[in-house]
Amino acid sequence: PWKYDISFGLVPISFAPRRIAKAILEHFLFNAFITLCILAYVILSAFESPFNPPSSTLSQVLSISSIVFSIIFVVEAMLKILVFGFFMHPTSYIRSSYWNIFDFIIAIVSFLNLFSFFNFGNINVLRLFRSMRGLTSMRFLYSMSLIRKL
């Protein structure tokens, strides 16, 4: 049974997309996929350098992978927000874990970075967050325990 029946004050547990999102989040393969994406993201970020020519194959691969990973992390955040709610109750996405706050900030900055809001030449605000994103792979075990509590 879910601890809180309504997400966003209006989405009941009987809402099919919410049940589907919960099933996706509970699936071991989804969590393993997200963890692998985080690790791949951190490894690829290590190859990023302001000295790489923008037209090089490496720069293009890094750019495309950044877009793909940003989309994956934004979708993960959206699924969790749909299932847990955003802020209103104690087990909501933002209030349940500091890892979720960190993930949400990274998802938002990644999303904004897709539209180049935070790109200033070769200086990229997202690099700071990318270097710390690897820490969130430790949240894998924590997220499994959180989902089991619902």
C-alpha atoms as a PDB file:
ATOM      1  CA  PRO A   1       0.000   0.000   0.000  1.00  0.00           C
ATOM      2  CA  TRP A   2       1.118   3.520  -0.771  1.00  0.00           C
ATOM      3  CA  LYS A   3       1.612   5.806   2.160  1.00  0.00           C
ATOM      4  CA  TYR A   4       0.051   8.815   0.410  1.00  0.00           C
ATOM      5  CA  ASP A   5      -2.798   8.224  -2.004  1.00  0.00           C
ATOM      6  CA  ILE A   6      -2.602  11.450  -3.999  1.00  0.00           C
ATOM      7  CA  SER A   7       0.304  12.973  -5.916  1.00  0.00           C
ATOM      8  CA  PHE A   8       0.229  16.718  -6.713  1.00  0.00           C
ATOM      9  CA  GLY A   9      -3.007  16.931  -4.754  1.00  0.00           C
ATOM     10  CA  LEU A  10      -4.984  15.465  -7.654  1.00  0.00           C
ATOM     11  CA  VAL A  11      -3.367  12.328  -9.130  1.00  0.00           C
ATOM     12  CA  PRO A  12      -4.795   9.249  -7.348  1.00  0.00           C
ATOM     13  CA  ILE A  13      -3.050   5.888  -7.127  1.00  0.00           C
ATOM     14  CA  SER A  14      -5.656   4.493  -9.515  1.00  0.00           C
ATOM     15  CA  PHE A  15      -4.328   6.766 -12.304  1.00  0.00           C
ATOM     16  CA  ALA A  16      -2.840   4.321 -14.833  1.00  0.00           C
ATOM     17  CA  PRO A  17       0.252   6.393 -15.763  1.00  0.00           C
ATOM     18  CA  ARG A  18       1.140   6.675 -12.071  1.00  0.00           C
ATOM     19  CA  ARG A  19       0.844   2.904 -11.591  1.00  0.00           C
ATOM     20  CA  ILE A  20       2.951   2.283 -14.716  1.00  0.00           C
ATOM     21  CA  ALA A  21       5.596   4.766 -13.524  1.00  0.00           C
ATOM     22  CA  LYS A  22       5.694   3.019 -10.130  1.00  0.00           C
ATOM     23  CA  ALA A  23       6.138  -0.370 -11.807  1.00  0.00           C
ATOM     24  CA  ILE A  24       8.995   1.039 -13.903  1.00  0.00           C
ATOM     25  CA  LEU A  25      10.715   2.564 -10.864  1.00  0.00           C
ATOM     26  CA  GLU A  26      10.368  -0.664  -8.885  1.00  0.00           C
ATOM     27  CA  HIS A  27      11.894  -2.796 -11.615  1.00  0.00           C
ATOM     28  CA  PHE A  28      15.460  -3.887 -10.877  1.00  0.00           C
ATOM     29  CA  LEU A  29      16.497  -3.439 -14.520  1.00  0.00           C
ATOM     30  CA  PHE A  30      15.442   0.208 -14.507  1.00  0.00           C
ATOM     31  CA  ASN A  31      17.577   0.925 -11.450  1.00  0.00           C
ATOM     32  CA  ALA A  32      20.495  -0.993 -12.944  1.00  0.00           C
ATOM     33  CA  PHE A  33      20.061   0.955 -16.206  1.00  0.00           C
ATOM     34  CA  ILE A  34      20.105   4.304 -14.386  1.00  0.00           C
ATOM     35  CA  THR A  35      23.174   3.292 -12.394  1.00  0.00           C
ATOM     36  CA  LEU A  36      24.979   2.242 -15.584  1.00  0.00           C
ATOM     37  CA  CYS A  37      23.969   5.530 -17.230  1.00  0.00           C
ATOM     38  CA  ILE A  38      25.408   7.473 -14.297  1.00  0.00           C
ATOM     39  CA  LEU A  39      28.683   5.569 -14.481  1.00  0.00           C
ATOM     40  CA  ALA A  40      28.915   5.956 -18.262  1.00  0.00           C
ATOM     41  CA  TYR A  41      28.092   9.660 -17.920  1.00  0.00           C
ATOM     42  CA  VAL A  42      30.910  10.166 -15.419  1.00  0.00           C
ATOM     43  CA  ILE A  43      33.408   8.207 -17.532  1.00  0.00           C
ATOM     44  CA  LEU A  44      32.523  10.113 -20.704  1.00  0.00           C
ATOM     45  CA  SER A  45      32.709  13.406 -18.832  1.00  0.00           C
ATOM     46  CA  ALA A  46      36.320  12.600 -17.938  1.00  0.00           C
ATOM     47  CA  PHE A  47      37.168  12.842 -21.646  1.00  0.00           C
ATOM     48  CA  GLU A  48      35.703  16.323 -21.949  1.00  0.00           C
ATOM     49  CA  SER A  49      38.275  19.079 -22.288  1.00  0.00           C
ATOM     50  CA  PRO A  50      38.237  22.693 -23.452  1.00  0.00           C
ATOM     51  CA  PHE A  51      41.175  21.749 -25.667  1.00  0.00           C
ATOM     52  CA  ASN A  52      39.159  19.273 -27.737  1.00  0.00           C
ATOM     53  CA  PRO A  53      38.353  20.843 -31.104  1.00  0.00           C
ATOM     54  CA  PRO A  54      34.553  21.213 -31.454  1.00  0.00           C
ATOM     55  CA  SER A  55      34.592  19.491 -34.837  1.00  0.00           C
ATOM     56  CA  SER A  56      36.434  16.388 -33.571  1.00  0.00           C
ATOM     57  CA  THR A  57      34.692  13.045 -33.382  1.00  0.00           C
ATOM     58  CA  LEU A  58      35.290  12.918 -29.633  1.00  0.00           C
ATOM     59  CA  SER A  59      33.576  16.283 -29.095  1.00  0.00           C
ATOM     60  CA  GLN A  60      30.617  15.221 -31.210  1.00  0.00           C
ATOM     61  CA  VAL A  61      30.261  11.919 -29.344  1.00  0.00           C
ATOM     62  CA  LEU A  62      30.456  13.740 -26.013  1.00  0.00           C
ATOM     63  CA  SER A  63      27.870  16.272 -27.146  1.00  0.00           C
ATOM     64  CA  ILE A  64      25.412  13.625 -28.325  1.00  0.00           C
ATOM     65  CA  SER A  65      25.943  11.500 -25.211  1.00  0.00           C
ATOM     66  CA  SER A  66      25.341  14.552 -23.026  1.00  0.00           C
ATOM     67  CA  ILE A  67      21.987  15.114 -24.720  1.00  0.00           C
ATOM     68  CA  VAL A  68      20.987  11.455 -24.387  1.00  0.00           C
ATOM     69  CA  PHE A  69      21.964  11.241 -20.715  1.00  0.00           C
ATOM     70  CA  SER A  70      20.251  14.553 -19.944  1.00  0.00           C
ATOM     71  CA  ILE A  71      17.006  13.224 -21.422  1.00  0.00           C
ATOM     72  CA  ILE A  72      17.334   9.961 -19.464  1.00  0.00           C
ATOM     73  CA  PHE A  73      17.902  11.799 -16.168  1.00  0.00           C
ATOM     74  CA  VAL A  74      15.034  14.221 -16.775  1.00  0.00           C
ATOM     75  CA  VAL A  75      12.676  11.313 -17.558  1.00  0.00           C
ATOM     76  CA  GLU A  76      13.822   9.529 -14.379  1.00  0.00           C
ATOM     77  CA  ALA A  77      13.064  12.657 -12.322  1.00  0.00           C
ATOM     78  CA  MET A  78       9.653  13.053 -13.984  1.00  0.00           C
ATOM     79  CA  LEU A  79       8.726   9.432 -13.223  1.00  0.00           C
ATOM     80  CA  LYS A  80       9.719   9.829  -9.575  1.00  0.00           C
ATOM     81  CA  ILE A  81       7.815  13.084  -9.255  1.00  0.00           C
ATOM     82  CA  LEU A  82       4.705  11.472 -10.737  1.00  0.00           C
ATOM     83  CA  VAL A  83       4.911   8.506  -8.365  1.00  0.00           C
ATOM     84  CA  PHE A  84       6.024  10.183  -5.148  1.00  0.00           C
ATOM     85  CA  GLY A  85       4.702  13.715  -5.628  1.00  0.00           C
ATOM     86  CA  PHE A  86       7.013  16.701  -5.653  1.00  0.00           C
ATOM     87  CA  PHE A  87       7.107  18.342  -2.217  1.00  0.00           C
ATOM     88  CA  MET A  88       3.919  18.293  -0.170  1.00  0.00           C
ATOM     89  CA  HIS A  89       4.254  15.149   1.964  1.00  0.00           C
ATOM     90  CA  PRO A  90       7.197  13.591   3.851  1.00  0.00           C
ATOM     91  CA  THR A  91       7.836  10.837   1.291  1.00  0.00           C
ATOM     92  CA  SER A  92       7.650  13.147  -1.717  1.00  0.00           C
ATOM     93  CA  TYR A  93      10.482  13.245  -4.253  1.00  0.00           C
ATOM     94  CA  ILE A  94      12.243  16.324  -2.864  1.00  0.00           C
ATOM     95  CA  ARG A  95      11.657  15.684   0.842  1.00  0.00           C
ATOM     96  CA  SER A  96      12.452  11.971   0.986  1.00  0.00           C
ATOM     97  CA  SER A  97      16.183  12.159   0.239  1.00  0.00           C
ATOM     98  CA  TYR A  98      19.060  14.550  -0.255  1.00  0.00           C
ATOM     99  CA  TRP A  99      20.073  12.411  -3.229  1.00  0.00           C
ATOM    100  CA  ASN A 100      16.782  13.299  -4.903  1.00  0.00           C
ATOM    101  CA  ILE A 101      17.417  17.008  -4.376  1.00  0.00           C
ATOM    102  CA  PHE A 102      20.840  16.587  -5.927  1.00  0.00           C
ATOM    103  CA  ASP A 103      19.414  14.528  -8.812  1.00  0.00           C
ATOM    104  CA  PHE A 104      16.701  17.111  -9.400  1.00  0.00           C
ATOM    105  CA  ILE A 105      19.226  19.943  -9.585  1.00  0.00           C
ATOM    106  CA  ILE A 106      21.323  17.950 -12.035  1.00  0.00           C
ATOM    107  CA  ALA A 107      18.250  17.103 -14.140  1.00  0.00           C
ATOM    108  CA  ILE A 108      17.204  20.779 -14.277  1.00  0.00           C
ATOM    109  CA  VAL A 109      20.711  22.034 -15.077  1.00  0.00           C
ATOM    110  CA  SER A 110      21.102  19.275 -17.694  1.00  0.00           C
ATOM    111  CA  PHE A 111      17.776  20.235 -19.246  1.00  0.00           C
ATOM    112  CA  LEU A 112      18.705  23.919 -19.339  1.00  0.00           C
ATOM    113  CA  ASN A 113      22.115  23.001 -20.713  1.00  0.00           C
ATOM    114  CA  LEU A 114      20.406  21.333 -23.676  1.00  0.00           C
ATOM    115  CA  PHE A 115      19.263  24.805 -24.680  1.00  0.00           C
ATOM    116  CA  SER A 116      22.693  26.337 -23.941  1.00  0.00           C
ATOM    117  CA  PHE A 117      21.447  28.596 -21.138  1.00  0.00           C
ATOM    118  CA  PHE A 118      24.548  27.867 -19.074  1.00  0.00           C
ATOM    119  CA  ASN A 119      27.187  27.500 -21.778  1.00  0.00           C
ATOM    120  CA  PHE A 120      29.770  30.226 -21.831  1.00  0.00           C
ATOM    121  CA  GLY A 121      32.272  29.160 -24.453  1.00  0.00           C
ATOM    122  CA  ASN A 122      34.325  26.305 -23.076  1.00  0.00           C
ATOM    123  CA  ILE A 123      33.231  26.941 -19.478  1.00  0.00           C
ATOM    124  CA  ASN A 124      30.274  24.755 -18.639  1.00  0.00           C
ATOM    125  CA  VAL A 125      28.491  24.992 -15.289  1.00  0.00           C
ATOM    126  CA  LEU A 126      27.308  21.426 -15.740  1.00  0.00           C
ATOM    127  CA  ARG A 127      30.872  20.072 -15.444  1.00  0.00           C
ATOM    128  CA  LEU A 128      30.816  20.650 -11.712  1.00  0.00           C
ATOM    129  CA  PHE A 129      27.643  18.623 -11.391  1.00  0.00           C
ATOM    130  CA  ARG A 130      28.914  15.945 -13.759  1.00  0.00           C
ATOM    131  CA  SER A 131      31.945  15.344 -11.597  1.00  0.00           C
ATOM    132  CA  MET A 132      29.685  14.841  -8.582  1.00  0.00           C
ATOM    133  CA  ARG A 133      27.062  12.768 -10.428  1.00  0.00           C
ATOM    134  CA  GLY A 134      29.072   9.611  -9.795  1.00  0.00           C
ATOM    135  CA  LEU A 135      28.236   9.954  -6.119  1.00  0.00           C
ATOM    136  CA  THR A 136      24.601   9.306  -6.928  1.00  0.00           C
ATOM    137  CA  SER A 137      25.377   5.776  -8.036  1.00  0.00           C
ATOM    138  CA  MET A 138      25.560   5.066  -4.297  1.00  0.00           C
ATOM    139  CA  ARG A 139      21.891   6.026  -4.055  1.00  0.00           C
ATOM    140  CA  PHE A 140      20.971   2.845  -5.942  1.00  0.00           C
ATOM    141  CA  LEU A 141      20.776   0.813  -2.725  1.00  0.00           C
ATOM    142  CA  TYR A 142      18.947   3.620  -0.927  1.00  0.00           C
ATOM    143  CA  SER A 143      16.349   3.962  -3.696  1.00  0.00           C
ATOM    144  CA  MET A 144      15.631   0.243  -3.594  1.00  0.00           C
ATOM    145  CA  SER A 145      14.911   0.457   0.135  1.00  0.00           C
ATOM    146  CA  LEU A 146      12.700   3.549  -0.356  1.00  0.00           C
ATOM    147  CA  ILE A 147      10.544   1.890  -3.019  1.00  0.00           C
ATOM    148  CA  ARG A 148      10.075  -1.192  -0.817  1.00  0.00           C
ATOM    149  CA  LYS A 149       8.693   1.022   1.972  1.00  0.00           C
ATOM    150  CA  LEU A 150       5.782   2.227  -0.196  1.00  0.00           C
END
